[in-house]
Amino acid sequence: MKTLSFLLVFSFSIFYASAQKGDIRIEQDKKIVDLLAIYKSSNASNNYYRIQVGFGSHAKAQKIKSNVEQDFPDMYSKIDFDSPTYRVRLGKFKTKLEAERKFMEVRKKYPNAMLLKPKKSTK
């Protein structure tokens, strides 16, 4: 009888505990969306040090970019069109020291790589 009552109480408590459901609601201040938009626009307009790995036709730039993404998967890479050629550029470095460190690493694999300074903003 003691075992039966213990089993009954135990099974009832498990059933009751597993039957609970939760409802989570997150209320966020509307100003956070505005702050995120300001943050994104400021990052887009910032000038960074970049590493140019190669250039050429669009097909050649695509091939270089795929090779670079395999060699340096953790770095941001992009193809920029600068008339008349397409240029493959890596990274977005805020400081010159950080850019030079990565540049030395990239230069081992791509000896023709160039470190590009940020353009001066016209304010």
PDB file of N, CA and C in Angstrom:
ATOM      1  N   MET A   1       0.816  -1.193   0.000  1.00  0.00           N
ATOM      2  CA  MET A   1       0.000   0.000   0.000  1.00  0.00           C
ATOM      3  C   MET A   1       0.864   1.263   0.000  1.00  0.00           C
ATOM      4  N   LYS A   2       1.923   1.196   0.786  1.00  0.00           N
ATOM      5  CA  LYS A   2       2.835   2.326   0.864  1.00  0.00           C
ATOM      6  C   LYS A   2       3.497   2.567  -0.499  1.00  0.00           C
ATOM      7  N   THR A   3       3.898   1.515  -1.177  1.00  0.00           N
ATOM      8  CA  THR A   3       4.522   1.619  -2.482  1.00  0.00           C
ATOM      9  C   THR A   3       3.536   2.133  -3.520  1.00  0.00           C
ATOM     10  N   LEU A   4       2.305   1.670  -3.435  1.00  0.00           N
ATOM     11  CA  LEU A   4       1.273   2.108  -4.370  1.00  0.00           C
ATOM     12  C   LEU A   4       0.968   3.595  -4.205  1.00  0.00           C
ATOM     13  N   SER A   5       0.874   4.055  -2.983  1.00  0.00           N
ATOM     14  CA  SER A   5       0.595   5.481  -2.763  1.00  0.00           C
ATOM     15  C   SER A   5       1.782   6.340  -3.212  1.00  0.00           C
ATOM     16  N   PHE A   6       3.001   5.845  -2.941  1.00  0.00           N
ATOM     17  CA  PHE A   6       4.180   6.581  -3.390  1.00  0.00           C
ATOM     18  C   PHE A   6       4.232   6.654  -4.914  1.00  0.00           C
ATOM     19  N   LEU A   7       3.919   5.543  -5.576  1.00  0.00           N
ATOM     20  CA  LEU A   7       3.905   5.494  -7.028  1.00  0.00           C
ATOM     21  C   LEU A   7       2.839   6.415  -7.605  1.00  0.00           C
ATOM     22  N   LEU A   8       1.692   6.466  -6.977  1.00  0.00           N
ATOM     23  CA  LEU A   8       0.601   7.336  -7.423  1.00  0.00           C
ATOM     24  C   LEU A   8       0.976   8.812  -7.282  1.00  0.00           C
ATOM     25  N   VAL A   9       1.556   9.186  -6.163  1.00  0.00           N
ATOM     26  CA  VAL A   9       1.969  10.575  -5.939  1.00  0.00           C
ATOM     27  C   VAL A   9       3.111  10.950  -6.899  1.00  0.00           C
ATOM     28  N   PHE A  10       4.032  10.047  -7.096  1.00  0.00           N
ATOM     29  CA  PHE A  10       5.159  10.298  -7.985  1.00  0.00           C
ATOM     30  C   PHE A  10       4.691  10.484  -9.430  1.00  0.00           C
ATOM     31  N   SER A  11       3.811   9.612  -9.914  1.00  0.00           N
ATOM     32  CA  SER A  11       3.328   9.729 -11.299  1.00  0.00           C
ATOM     33  C   SER A  11       2.463  10.977 -11.485  1.00  0.00           C
ATOM     34  N   PHE A  12       1.669  11.353 -10.473  1.00  0.00           N
ATOM     35  CA  PHE A  12       0.868  12.567 -10.547  1.00  0.00           C
ATOM     36  C   PHE A  12       1.764  13.807 -10.612  1.00  0.00           C
ATOM     37  N   SER A  13       2.859  13.818  -9.826  1.00  0.00           N
ATOM     38  CA  SER A  13       3.760  14.981  -9.826  1.00  0.00           C
ATOM     39  C   SER A  13       4.501  15.101 -11.159  1.00  0.00           C
ATOM     40  N   ILE A  14       4.876  13.981 -11.763  1.00  0.00           N
ATOM     41  CA  ILE A  14       5.537  14.015 -13.074  1.00  0.00           C
ATOM     42  C   ILE A  14       4.560  14.515 -14.137  1.00  0.00           C
ATOM     43  N   PHE A  15       3.333  14.033 -14.088  1.00  0.00           N
ATOM     44  CA  PHE A  15       2.325  14.470 -15.051  1.00  0.00           C
ATOM     45  C   PHE A  15       2.052  15.957 -14.909  1.00  0.00           C
ATOM     46  N   TYR A  16       1.932  16.418 -13.679  1.00  0.00           N
ATOM     47  CA  TYR A  16       1.653  17.828 -13.431  1.00  0.00           C
ATOM     48  C   TYR A  16       2.835  18.703 -13.853  1.00  0.00           C
ATOM     49  N   ALA A  17       4.076  18.268 -13.598  1.00  0.00           N
ATOM     50  CA  ALA A  17       5.266  19.053 -13.932  1.00  0.00           C
ATOM     51  C   ALA A  17       5.464  19.136 -15.444  1.00  0.00           C
ATOM     52  N   SER A  18       5.150  18.091 -16.176  1.00  0.00           N
ATOM     53  CA  SER A  18       5.350  18.116 -17.614  1.00  0.00           C
ATOM     54  C   SER A  18       4.219  18.811 -18.353  1.00  0.00           C
ATOM     55  N   ALA A  19       3.133  19.086 -17.687  1.00  0.00           N
ATOM     56  CA  ALA A  19       1.989  19.718 -18.331  1.00  0.00           C
ATOM     57  C   ALA A  19       2.078  21.240 -18.322  1.00  0.00           C
ATOM     58  N   GLN A  20       3.124  21.787 -17.749  1.00  0.00           N
ATOM     59  CA  GLN A  20       3.240  23.241 -17.684  1.00  0.00           C
ATOM     60  C   GLN A  20       3.688  23.797 -19.022  1.00  0.00           C
ATOM     61  N   LYS A  21       3.100  24.921 -19.388  1.00  0.00           N
ATOM     62  CA  LYS A  21       3.471  25.617 -20.612  1.00  0.00           C
ATOM     63  C   LYS A  21       3.827  27.048 -20.261  1.00  0.00           C
ATOM     64  N   GLY A  22       4.790  27.588 -20.985  1.00  0.00           N
ATOM     65  CA  GLY A  22       5.205  28.958 -20.724  1.00  0.00           C
ATOM     66  C   GLY A  22       4.928  29.855 -21.912  1.00  0.00           C
ATOM     67  N   ASP A  23       4.730  31.116 -21.637  1.00  0.00           N
ATOM     68  CA  ASP A  23       4.511  32.107 -22.677  1.00  0.00           C
ATOM     69  C   ASP A  23       5.450  33.270 -22.384  1.00  0.00           C
ATOM     70  N   ILE A  24       6.383  33.492 -23.300  1.00  0.00           N
ATOM     71  CA  ILE A  24       7.384  34.537 -23.093  1.00  0.00           C
ATOM     72  C   ILE A  24       7.095  35.685 -24.050  1.00  0.00           C
ATOM     73  N   ARG A  25       7.065  36.871 -23.508  1.00  0.00           N
ATOM     74  CA  ARG A  25       6.864  38.069 -24.311  1.00  0.00           C
ATOM     75  C   ARG A  25       7.983  39.047 -23.977  1.00  0.00           C
ATOM     76  N   ILE A  26       8.627  39.517 -25.018  1.00  0.00           N
ATOM     77  CA  ILE A  26       9.709  40.480 -24.837  1.00  0.00           C
ATOM     78  C   ILE A  26       9.234  41.816 -25.383  1.00  0.00           C
ATOM     79  N   GLU A  27       9.217  42.787 -24.522  1.00  0.00           N
ATOM     80  CA  GLU A  27       8.834  44.128 -24.937  1.00  0.00           C
ATOM     81  C   GLU A  27      10.108  44.958 -25.032  1.00  0.00           C
ATOM     82  N   GLN A  28      10.349  45.467 -26.193  1.00  0.00           N
ATOM     83  CA  GLN A  28      11.578  46.196 -26.483  1.00  0.00           C
ATOM     84  C   GLN A  28      11.244  47.652 -26.756  1.00  0.00           C
ATOM     85  N   ASP A  29      12.077  48.512 -26.239  1.00  0.00           N
ATOM     86  CA  ASP A  29      11.900  49.933 -26.483  1.00  0.00           C
ATOM     87  C   ASP A  29      12.066  50.212 -27.976  1.00  0.00           C
ATOM     88  N   LYS A  30      11.198  51.030 -28.536  1.00  0.00           N
ATOM     89  CA  LYS A  30      11.236  51.322 -29.969  1.00  0.00           C
ATOM     90  C   LYS A  30      12.486  52.106 -30.370  1.00  0.00           C
ATOM     91  N   LYS A  31      13.131  52.737 -29.423  1.00  0.00           N
ATOM     92  CA  LYS A  31      14.344  53.509 -29.716  1.00  0.00           C
ATOM     93  C   LYS A  31      15.529  52.599 -30.049  1.00  0.00           C
ATOM     94  N   ILE A  32      15.451  51.329 -29.658  1.00  0.00           N
ATOM     95  CA  ILE A  32      16.534  50.402 -29.973  1.00  0.00           C
ATOM     96  C   ILE A  32      16.650  50.215 -31.475  1.00  0.00           C
ATOM     97  N   VAL A  33      15.529  50.153 -32.172  1.00  0.00           N
ATOM     98  CA  VAL A  33      15.541  50.019 -33.627  1.00  0.00           C
ATOM     99  C   VAL A  33      16.221  51.238 -34.256  1.00  0.00           C
ATOM    100  N   ASP A  34      15.928  52.424 -33.734  1.00  0.00           N
ATOM    101  CA  ASP A  34      16.565  53.644 -34.233  1.00  0.00           C
ATOM    102  C   ASP A  34      18.075  53.625 -33.975  1.00  0.00           C
ATOM    103  N   LEU A  35      18.467  53.170 -32.793  1.00  0.00           N
ATOM    104  CA  LEU A  35      19.891  53.103 -32.465  1.00  0.00           C
ATOM    105  C   LEU A  35      20.620  52.113 -33.372  1.00  0.00           C
ATOM    106  N   LEU A  36      19.987  50.996 -33.677  1.00  0.00           N
ATOM    107  CA  LEU A  36      20.597  50.027 -34.588  1.00  0.00           C
ATOM    108  C   LEU A  36      20.773  50.611 -35.985  1.00  0.00           C
ATOM    109  N   ALA A  37      19.809  51.376 -36.437  1.00  0.00           N
ATOM    110  CA  ALA A  37      19.918  52.006 -37.754  1.00  0.00           C
ATOM    111  C   ALA A  37      21.071  53.016 -37.775  1.00  0.00           C
ATOM    112  N   ILE A  38      21.218  53.784 -36.714  1.00  0.00           N
ATOM    113  CA  ILE A  38      22.322  54.750 -36.622  1.00  0.00           C
ATOM    114  C   ILE A  38      23.657  54.016 -36.593  1.00  0.00           C
ATOM    115  N   TYR A  39      23.725  52.932 -35.842  1.00  0.00           N
ATOM    116  CA  TYR A  39      24.954  52.141 -35.749  1.00  0.00           C
ATOM    117  C   TYR A  39      25.347  51.566 -37.106  1.00  0.00           C
ATOM    118  N   LYS A  40      24.378  51.031 -37.841  1.00  0.00           N
ATOM    119  CA  LYS A  40      24.653  50.460 -39.166  1.00  0.00           C
ATOM    120  C   LYS A  40      25.126  51.528 -40.141  1.00  0.00           C
ATOM    121  N   SER A  41      24.491  52.695 -40.109  1.00  0.00           N
ATOM    122  CA  SER A  41      24.892  53.752 -41.039  1.00  0.00           C
ATOM    123  C   SER A  41      26.275  54.293 -40.695  1.00  0.00           C
ATOM    124  N   SER A  42      26.618  54.364 -39.415  1.00  0.00           N
ATOM    125  CA  SER A  42      27.949  54.857 -39.051  1.00  0.00           C
ATOM    126  C   SER A  42      29.022  53.859 -39.444  1.00  0.00           C
ATOM    127  N   ASN A  43      28.729  52.565 -39.329  1.00  0.00           N
ATOM    128  CA  ASN A  43      29.704  51.556 -39.749  1.00  0.00           C
ATOM    129  C   ASN A  43      29.859  51.534 -41.257  1.00  0.00           C
ATOM    130  N   ALA A  44      28.793  51.802 -41.984  1.00  0.00           N
ATOM    131  CA  ALA A  44      28.875  51.802 -43.447  1.00  0.00           C
ATOM    132  C   ALA A  44      29.705  52.980 -43.948  1.00  0.00           C
ATOM    133  N   SER A  45      29.648  54.106 -43.244  1.00  0.00           N
ATOM    134  CA  SER A  45      30.370  55.282 -43.706  1.00  0.00           C
ATOM    135  C   SER A  45      31.802  55.347 -43.185  1.00  0.00           C
ATOM    136  N   ASN A  46      32.152  54.482 -42.230  1.00  0.00           N
ATOM    137  CA  ASN A  46      33.525  54.479 -41.713  1.00  0.00           C
ATOM    138  C   ASN A  46      34.497  54.003 -42.778  1.00  0.00           C
ATOM    139  N   ASN A  47      35.653  54.546 -42.724  1.00  0.00           N
ATOM    140  CA  ASN A  47      36.704  54.118 -43.639  1.00  0.00           C
ATOM    141  C   ASN A  47      37.611  53.137 -42.919  1.00  0.00           C
ATOM    142  N   TYR A  48      38.000  52.104 -43.621  1.00  0.00           N
ATOM    143  CA  TYR A  48      38.808  51.054 -43.046  1.00  0.00           C
ATOM    144  C   TYR A  48      40.053  50.831 -43.888  1.00  0.00           C
ATOM    145  N   TYR A  49      41.068  50.252 -43.246  1.00  0.00           N
ATOM    146  CA  TYR A  49      42.205  49.738 -43.980  1.00  0.00           C
ATOM    147  C   TYR A  49      41.747  48.443 -44.639  1.00  0.00           C
ATOM    148  N   ARG A  50      42.160  48.229 -45.875  1.00  0.00           N
ATOM    149  CA  ARG A  50      41.789  47.019 -46.616  1.00  0.00           C
ATOM    150  C   ARG A  50      43.052  46.441 -47.237  1.00  0.00           C
ATOM    151  N   ILE A  51      42.983  45.170 -47.584  1.00  0.00           N
ATOM    152  CA  ILE A  51      44.089  44.502 -48.267  1.00  0.00           C
ATOM    153  C   ILE A  51      43.596  44.099 -49.645  1.00  0.00           C
ATOM    154  N   GLN A  52      44.256  44.606 -50.681  1.00  0.00           N
ATOM    155  CA  GLN A  52      43.900  44.235 -52.049  1.00  0.00           C
ATOM    156  C   GLN A  52      44.763  43.055 -52.457  1.00  0.00           C
ATOM    157  N   VAL A  53      44.091  41.967 -52.830  1.00  0.00           N
ATOM    158  CA  VAL A  53      44.793  40.722 -53.145  1.00  0.00           C
ATOM    159  C   VAL A  53      45.083  40.605 -54.631  1.00  0.00           C
ATOM    160  N   GLY A  54      44.150  41.020 -55.465  1.00  0.00           N
ATOM    161  CA  GLY A  54      44.344  40.895 -56.901  1.00  0.00           C
ATOM    162  C   GLY A  54      43.299  41.677 -57.658  1.00  0.00           C
ATOM    163  N   PHE A  55      43.445  41.701 -58.981  1.00  0.00           N
ATOM    164  CA  PHE A  55      42.491  42.409 -59.822  1.00  0.00           C
ATOM    165  C   PHE A  55      42.496  41.804 -61.206  1.00  0.00           C
ATOM    166  N   GLY A  56      41.499  42.179 -62.007  1.00  0.00           N
ATOM    167  CA  GLY A  56      41.405  41.687 -63.371  1.00  0.00           C
ATOM    168  C   GLY A  56      39.969  41.714 -63.843  1.00  0.00           C
ATOM    169  N   SER A  57      39.659  40.820 -64.768  1.00  0.00           N
ATOM    170  CA  SER A  57      38.287  40.728 -65.274  1.00  0.00           C
ATOM    171  C   SER A  57      37.379  40.179 -64.170  1.00  0.00           C
ATOM    172  N   HIS A  58      36.078  40.227 -64.423  1.00  0.00           N
ATOM    173  CA  HIS A  58      35.137  39.745 -63.422  1.00  0.00           C
ATOM    174  C   HIS A  58      35.351  38.260 -63.129  1.00  0.00           C
ATOM    175  N   ALA A  59      35.581  37.467 -64.165  1.00  0.00           N
ATOM    176  CA  ALA A  59      35.810  36.027 -63.976  1.00  0.00           C
ATOM    177  C   ALA A  59      37.083  35.775 -63.162  1.00  0.00           C
ATOM    178  N   LYS A  60      38.130  36.523 -63.468  1.00  0.00           N
ATOM    179  CA  LYS A  60      39.390  36.368 -62.728  1.00  0.00           C
ATOM    180  C   LYS A  60      39.207  36.789 -61.271  1.00  0.00           C
ATOM    181  N   ALA A  61      38.473  37.873 -61.044  1.00  0.00           N
ATOM    182  CA  ALA A  61      38.222  38.348 -59.685  1.00  0.00           C
ATOM    183  C   ALA A  61      37.410  37.320 -58.891  1.00  0.00           C
ATOM    184  N   GLN A  62      36.431  36.696 -59.538  1.00  0.00           N
ATOM    185  CA  GLN A  62      35.639  35.657 -58.871  1.00  0.00           C
ATOM    186  C   GLN A  62      36.530  34.488 -58.457  1.00  0.00           C
ATOM    187  N   LYS A  63      37.448  34.096 -59.329  1.00  0.00           N
ATOM    188  CA  LYS A  63      38.351  32.990 -59.038  1.00  0.00           C
ATOM    189  C   LYS A  63      39.282  33.351 -57.881  1.00  0.00           C
ATOM    190  N   ILE A  64      39.819  34.556 -57.906  1.00  0.00           N
ATOM    191  CA  ILE A  64      40.700  35.014 -56.825  1.00  0.00           C
ATOM    192  C   ILE A  64      39.937  35.048 -55.510  1.00  0.00           C
ATOM    193  N   LYS A  65      38.709  35.554 -55.544  1.00  0.00           N
ATOM    194  CA  LYS A  65      37.895  35.647 -54.330  1.00  0.00           C
ATOM    195  C   LYS A  65      37.610  34.267 -53.750  1.00  0.00           C
ATOM    196  N   SER A  66      37.298  33.287 -54.599  1.00  0.00           N
ATOM    197  CA  SER A  66      37.034  31.937 -54.083  1.00  0.00           C
ATOM    198  C   SER A  66      38.298  31.334 -53.472  1.00  0.00           C
ATOM    199  N   ASN A  67      39.461  31.596 -54.082  1.00  0.00           N
ATOM    200  CA  ASN A  67      40.721  31.120 -53.499  1.00  0.00           C
ATOM    201  C   ASN A  67      41.003  31.793 -52.152  1.00  0.00           C
ATOM    202  N   VAL A  68      40.752  33.085 -52.085  1.00  0.00           N
ATOM    203  CA  VAL A  68      40.996  33.843 -50.855  1.00  0.00           C
ATOM    204  C   VAL A  68      40.060  33.355 -49.741  1.00  0.00           C
ATOM    205  N   GLU A  69      38.800  33.069 -50.083  1.00  0.00           N
ATOM    206  CA  GLU A  69      37.863  32.584 -49.079  1.00  0.00           C
ATOM    207  C   GLU A  69      38.260  31.215 -48.545  1.00  0.00           C
ATOM    208  N   GLN A  70      38.933  30.416 -49.361  1.00  0.00           N
ATOM    209  CA  GLN A  70      39.439  29.128 -48.881  1.00  0.00           C
ATOM    210  C   GLN A  70      40.673  29.320 -48.004  1.00  0.00           C
ATOM    211  N   ASP A  71      41.547  30.243 -48.398  1.00  0.00           N
ATOM    212  CA  ASP A  71      42.778  30.469 -47.641  1.00  0.00           C
ATOM    213  C   ASP A  71      42.548  31.236 -46.341  1.00  0.00           C
ATOM    214  N   PHE A  72      41.610  32.181 -46.356  1.00  0.00           N
ATOM    215  CA  PHE A  72      41.326  33.021 -45.189  1.00  0.00           C
ATOM    216  C   PHE A  72      39.814  33.061 -44.943  1.00  0.00           C
ATOM    217  N   PRO A  73      39.236  31.967 -44.445  1.00  0.00           N
ATOM    218  CA  PRO A  73      37.779  31.917 -44.295  1.00  0.00           C
ATOM    219  C   PRO A  73      37.226  32.871 -43.228  1.00  0.00           C
ATOM    220  N   ASP A  74      38.065  33.303 -42.311  1.00  0.00           N
ATOM    221  CA  ASP A  74      37.593  34.185 -41.242  1.00  0.00           C
ATOM    222  C   ASP A  74      37.612  35.663 -41.622  1.00  0.00           C
ATOM    223  N   MET A  75      38.127  35.976 -42.784  1.00  0.00           N
ATOM    224  CA  MET A  75      38.225  37.381 -43.194  1.00  0.00           C
ATOM    225  C   MET A  75      37.129  37.739 -44.191  1.00  0.00           C
ATOM    226  N   TYR A  76      36.630  38.949 -44.076  1.00  0.00           N
ATOM    227  CA  TYR A  76      35.621  39.495 -44.984  1.00  0.00           C
ATOM    228  C   TYR A  76      36.286  39.787 -46.326  1.00  0.00           C
ATOM    229  N   SER A  77      35.702  39.304 -47.422  1.00  0.00           N
ATOM    230  CA  SER A  77      36.248  39.579 -48.749  1.00  0.00           C
ATOM    231  C   SER A  77      35.152  40.130 -49.649  1.00  0.00           C
ATOM    232  N   LYS A  78      35.566  40.975 -50.582  1.00  0.00           N
ATOM    233  CA  LYS A  78      34.605  41.644 -51.451  1.00  0.00           C
ATOM    234  C   LYS A  78      35.266  41.972 -52.780  1.00  0.00           C
ATOM    235  N   ILE A  79      34.457  41.952 -53.834  1.00  0.00           N
ATOM    236  CA  ILE A  79      34.925  42.376 -55.151  1.00  0.00           C
ATOM    237  C   ILE A  79      34.391  43.791 -55.389  1.00  0.00           C
ATOM    238  N   ASP A  80      35.299  44.713 -55.620  1.00  0.00           N
ATOM    239  CA  ASP A  80      34.931  46.101 -55.917  1.00  0.00           C
ATOM    240  C   ASP A  80      35.248  46.396 -57.377  1.00  0.00           C
ATOM    241  N   PHE A  81      34.351  47.117 -58.025  1.00  0.00           N
ATOM    242  CA  PHE A  81      34.607  47.526 -59.399  1.00  0.00           C
ATOM    243  C   PHE A  81      35.203  48.918 -59.384  1.00  0.00           C
ATOM    244  N   ASP A  82      36.410  49.016 -59.909  1.00  0.00           N
ATOM    245  CA  ASP A  82      37.094  50.300 -60.040  1.00  0.00           C
ATOM    246  C   ASP A  82      37.563  50.348 -61.491  1.00  0.00           C
ATOM    247  N   SER A  83      36.863  51.113 -62.277  1.00  0.00           N
ATOM    248  CA  SER A  83      37.023  51.108 -63.724  1.00  0.00           C
ATOM    249  C   SER A  83      38.487  51.137 -64.129  1.00  0.00           C
ATOM    250  N   PRO A  84      38.938  50.294 -64.953  1.00  0.00           N
ATOM    251  CA  PRO A  84      38.267  49.312 -65.802  1.00  0.00           C
ATOM    252  C   PRO A  84      38.350  47.886 -65.267  1.00  0.00           C
ATOM    253  N   THR A  85      38.780  47.682 -64.001  1.00  0.00           N
ATOM    254  CA  THR A  85      38.982  46.321 -63.506  1.00  0.00           C
ATOM    255  C   THR A  85      38.187  46.053 -62.231  1.00  0.00           C
ATOM    256  N   TYR A  86      38.075  44.778 -61.917  1.00  0.00           N
ATOM    257  CA  TYR A  86      37.476  44.331 -60.659  1.00  0.00           C
ATOM    258  C   TYR A  86      38.616  44.026 -59.690  1.00  0.00           C
ATOM    259  N   ARG A  87      38.468  44.476 -58.458  1.00  0.00           N
ATOM    260  CA  ARG A  87      39.526  44.310 -57.461  1.00  0.00           C
ATOM    261  C   ARG A  87      39.002  43.494 -56.286  1.00  0.00           C
ATOM    262  N   VAL A  88      39.798  42.532 -55.833  1.00  0.00           N
ATOM    263  CA  VAL A  88      39.427  41.684 -54.695  1.00  0.00           C
ATOM    264  C   VAL A  88      40.101  42.257 -53.458  1.00  0.00           C
ATOM    265  N   ARG A  89      39.281  42.610 -52.470  1.00  0.00           N
ATOM    266  CA  ARG A  89      39.800  43.246 -51.256  1.00  0.00           C
ATOM    267  C   ARG A  89      39.349  42.475 -50.031  1.00  0.00           C
ATOM    268  N   LEU A  90      40.202  42.455 -49.034  1.00  0.00           N
ATOM    269  CA  LEU A  90      39.970  41.709 -47.803  1.00  0.00           C
ATOM    270  C   LEU A  90      39.893  42.629 -46.602  1.00  0.00           C
ATOM    271  N   GLY A  91      39.083  42.217 -45.652  1.00  0.00           N
ATOM    272  CA  GLY A  91      39.083  42.811 -44.332  1.00  0.00           C
ATOM    273  C   GLY A  91      38.519  44.207 -44.232  1.00  0.00           C
ATOM    274  N   LYS A  92      38.276  44.571 -43.000  1.00  0.00           N
ATOM    275  CA  LYS A  92      37.892  45.927 -42.615  1.00  0.00           C
ATOM    276  C   LYS A  92      38.602  46.186 -41.294  1.00  0.00           C
ATOM    277  N   PHE A  93      39.763  46.801 -41.399  1.00  0.00           N
ATOM    278  CA  PHE A  93      40.588  47.016 -40.219  1.00  0.00           C
ATOM    279  C   PHE A  93      40.518  48.475 -39.797  1.00  0.00           C
ATOM    280  N   LYS A  94      40.200  48.706 -38.534  1.00  0.00           N
ATOM    281  CA  LYS A  94      40.080  50.080 -38.042  1.00  0.00           C
ATOM    282  C   LYS A  94      41.443  50.697 -37.744  1.00  0.00           C
ATOM    283  N   THR A  95      42.386  49.870 -37.307  1.00  0.00           N
ATOM    284  CA  THR A  95      43.703  50.410 -36.971  1.00  0.00           C
ATOM    285  C   THR A  95      44.748  49.922 -37.961  1.00  0.00           C
ATOM    286  N   LYS A  96      45.763  50.720 -38.122  1.00  0.00           N
ATOM    287  CA  LYS A  96      46.843  50.379 -39.052  1.00  0.00           C
ATOM    288  C   LYS A  96      47.626  49.164 -38.544  1.00  0.00           C
ATOM    289  N   LEU A  97      47.795  49.073 -37.232  1.00  0.00           N
ATOM    290  CA  LEU A  97      48.538  47.963 -36.646  1.00  0.00           C
ATOM    291  C   LEU A  97      47.846  46.630 -36.945  1.00  0.00           C
ATOM    292  N   GLU A  98      46.556  46.592 -36.744  1.00  0.00           N
ATOM    293  CA  GLU A  98      45.786  45.381 -37.023  1.00  0.00           C
ATOM    294  C   GLU A  98      45.871  45.017 -38.512  1.00  0.00           C
ATOM    295  N   ALA A  99      45.776  46.025 -39.365  1.00  0.00           N
ATOM    296  CA  ALA A  99      45.847  45.794 -40.816  1.00  0.00           C
ATOM    297  C   ALA A  99      47.218  45.274 -41.223  1.00  0.00           C
ATOM    298  N   GLU A 100      48.271  45.840 -40.658  1.00  0.00           N
ATOM    299  CA  GLU A 100      49.622  45.410 -41.017  1.00  0.00           C
ATOM    300  C   GLU A 100      49.905  43.983 -40.572  1.00  0.00           C
ATOM    301  N   ARG A 101      49.363  43.588 -39.431  1.00  0.00           N
ATOM    302  CA  ARG A 101      49.551  42.211 -38.962  1.00  0.00           C
ATOM    303  C   ARG A 101      48.919  41.211 -39.930  1.00  0.00           C
ATOM    304  N   LYS A 102      47.686  41.481 -40.342  1.00  0.00           N
ATOM    305  CA  LYS A 102      47.025  40.585 -41.295  1.00  0.00           C
ATOM    306  C   LYS A 102      47.682  40.661 -42.672  1.00  0.00           C
ATOM    307  N   PHE A 103      48.145  41.847 -43.030  1.00  0.00           N
ATOM    308  CA  PHE A 103      48.796  42.035 -44.327  1.00  0.00           C
ATOM    309  C   PHE A 103      50.029  41.142 -44.443  1.00  0.00           C
ATOM    310  N   MET A 104      50.809  41.046 -43.377  1.00  0.00           N
ATOM    311  CA  MET A 104      52.002  40.188 -43.388  1.00  0.00           C
ATOM    312  C   MET A 104      51.600  38.724 -43.589  1.00  0.00           C
ATOM    313  N   GLU A 105      50.505  38.324 -42.996  1.00  0.00           N
ATOM    314  CA  GLU A 105      50.011  36.956 -43.135  1.00  0.00           C
ATOM    315  C   GLU A 105      49.511  36.690 -44.563  1.00  0.00           C
ATOM    316  N   VAL A 106      48.763  37.647 -45.104  1.00  0.00           N
ATOM    317  CA  VAL A 106      48.213  37.496 -46.454  1.00  0.00           C
ATOM    318  C   VAL A 106      49.327  37.531 -47.488  1.00  0.00           C
ATOM    319  N   ARG A 107      50.316  38.339 -47.259  1.00  0.00           N
ATOM    320  CA  ARG A 107      51.413  38.517 -48.221  1.00  0.00           C
ATOM    321  C   ARG A 107      52.215  37.232 -48.437  1.00  0.00           C
ATOM    322  N   LYS A 108      52.224  36.355 -47.416  1.00  0.00           N
ATOM    323  CA  LYS A 108      52.919  35.078 -47.563  1.00  0.00           C
ATOM    324  C   LYS A 108      52.266  34.234 -48.653  1.00  0.00           C
ATOM    325  N   LYS A 109      50.956  34.291 -48.739  1.00  0.00           N
ATOM    326  CA  LYS A 109      50.217  33.497 -49.723  1.00  0.00           C
ATOM    327  C   LYS A 109      50.055  34.253 -51.046  1.00  0.00           C
ATOM    328  N   TYR A 110      49.844  35.581 -50.948  1.00  0.00           N
ATOM    329  CA  TYR A 110      49.633  36.422 -52.129  1.00  0.00           C
ATOM    330  C   TYR A 110      50.694  37.529 -52.124  1.00  0.00           C
ATOM    331  N   PRO A 111      51.854  37.295 -52.760  1.00  0.00           N
ATOM    332  CA  PRO A 111      52.963  38.257 -52.689  1.00  0.00           C
ATOM    333  C   PRO A 111      52.673  39.598 -53.353  1.00  0.00           C
ATOM    334  N   ASN A 112      51.692  39.665 -54.236  1.00  0.00           N
ATOM    335  CA  ASN A 112      51.369  40.940 -54.898  1.00  0.00           C
ATOM    336  C   ASN A 112      50.317  41.751 -54.143  1.00  0.00           C
ATOM    337  N   ALA A 113      49.956  41.315 -52.947  1.00  0.00           N
ATOM    338  CA  ALA A 113      48.929  42.010 -52.162  1.00  0.00           C
ATOM    339  C   ALA A 113      49.420  43.405 -51.776  1.00  0.00           C
ATOM    340  N   MET A 114      48.449  44.322 -51.622  1.00  0.00           N
ATOM    341  CA  MET A 114      48.762  45.706 -51.239  1.00  0.00           C
ATOM    342  C   MET A 114      47.884  46.111 -50.068  1.00  0.00           C
ATOM    343  N   LEU A 115      48.445  46.875 -49.146  1.00  0.00           N
ATOM    344  CA  LEU A 115      47.682  47.425 -48.034  1.00  0.00           C
ATOM    345  C   LEU A 115      47.125  48.772 -48.465  1.00  0.00           C
ATOM    346  N   LEU A 116      45.814  48.920 -48.405  1.00  0.00           N
ATOM    347  CA  LEU A 116      45.163  50.155 -48.839  1.00  0.00           C
ATOM    348  C   LEU A 116      44.778  50.994 -47.631  1.00  0.00           C
ATOM    349  N   LYS A 117      45.145  52.246 -47.674  1.00  0.00           N
ATOM    350  CA  LYS A 117      44.788  53.172 -46.594  1.00  0.00           C
ATOM    351  C   LYS A 117      43.357  53.643 -46.798  1.00  0.00           C
ATOM    352  N   PRO A 118      42.668  54.002 -45.696  1.00  0.00           N
ATOM    353  CA  PRO A 118      41.304  54.522 -45.865  1.00  0.00           C
ATOM    354  C   PRO A 118      41.300  55.870 -46.558  1.00  0.00           C
ATOM    355  N   LYS A 119      40.233  56.107 -47.300  1.00  0.00           N
ATOM    356  CA  LYS A 119      40.086  57.403 -47.967  1.00  0.00           C
ATOM    357  C   LYS A 119      39.725  58.445 -46.925  1.00  0.00           C
ATOM    358  N   LYS A 120      40.278  59.623 -47.093  1.00  0.00           N
ATOM    359  CA  LYS A 120      39.959  60.696 -46.152  1.00  0.00           C
ATOM    360  C   LYS A 120      38.560  61.195 -46.418  1.00  0.00           C
ATOM    361  N   SER A 121      37.801  61.334 -45.337  1.00  0.00           N
ATOM    362  CA  SER A 121      36.422  61.813 -45.506  1.00  0.00           C
ATOM    363  C   SER A 121      36.426  63.312 -45.743  1.00  0.00           C
ATOM    364  N   THR A 122      35.520  63.750 -46.570  1.00  0.00           N
ATOM    365  CA  THR A 122      35.415  65.170 -46.876  1.00  0.00           C
ATOM    366  C   THR A 122      34.264  65.763 -46.077  1.00  0.00           C
ATOM    367  N   LYS A 123      34.630  66.370 -44.966  1.00  0.00           N
ATOM    368  CA  LYS A 123      33.609  66.980 -44.101  1.00  0.00           C
ATOM    369  C   LYS A 123      33.802  68.466 -44.018  1.00  0.00           C
TER     370      LYS A 123
END
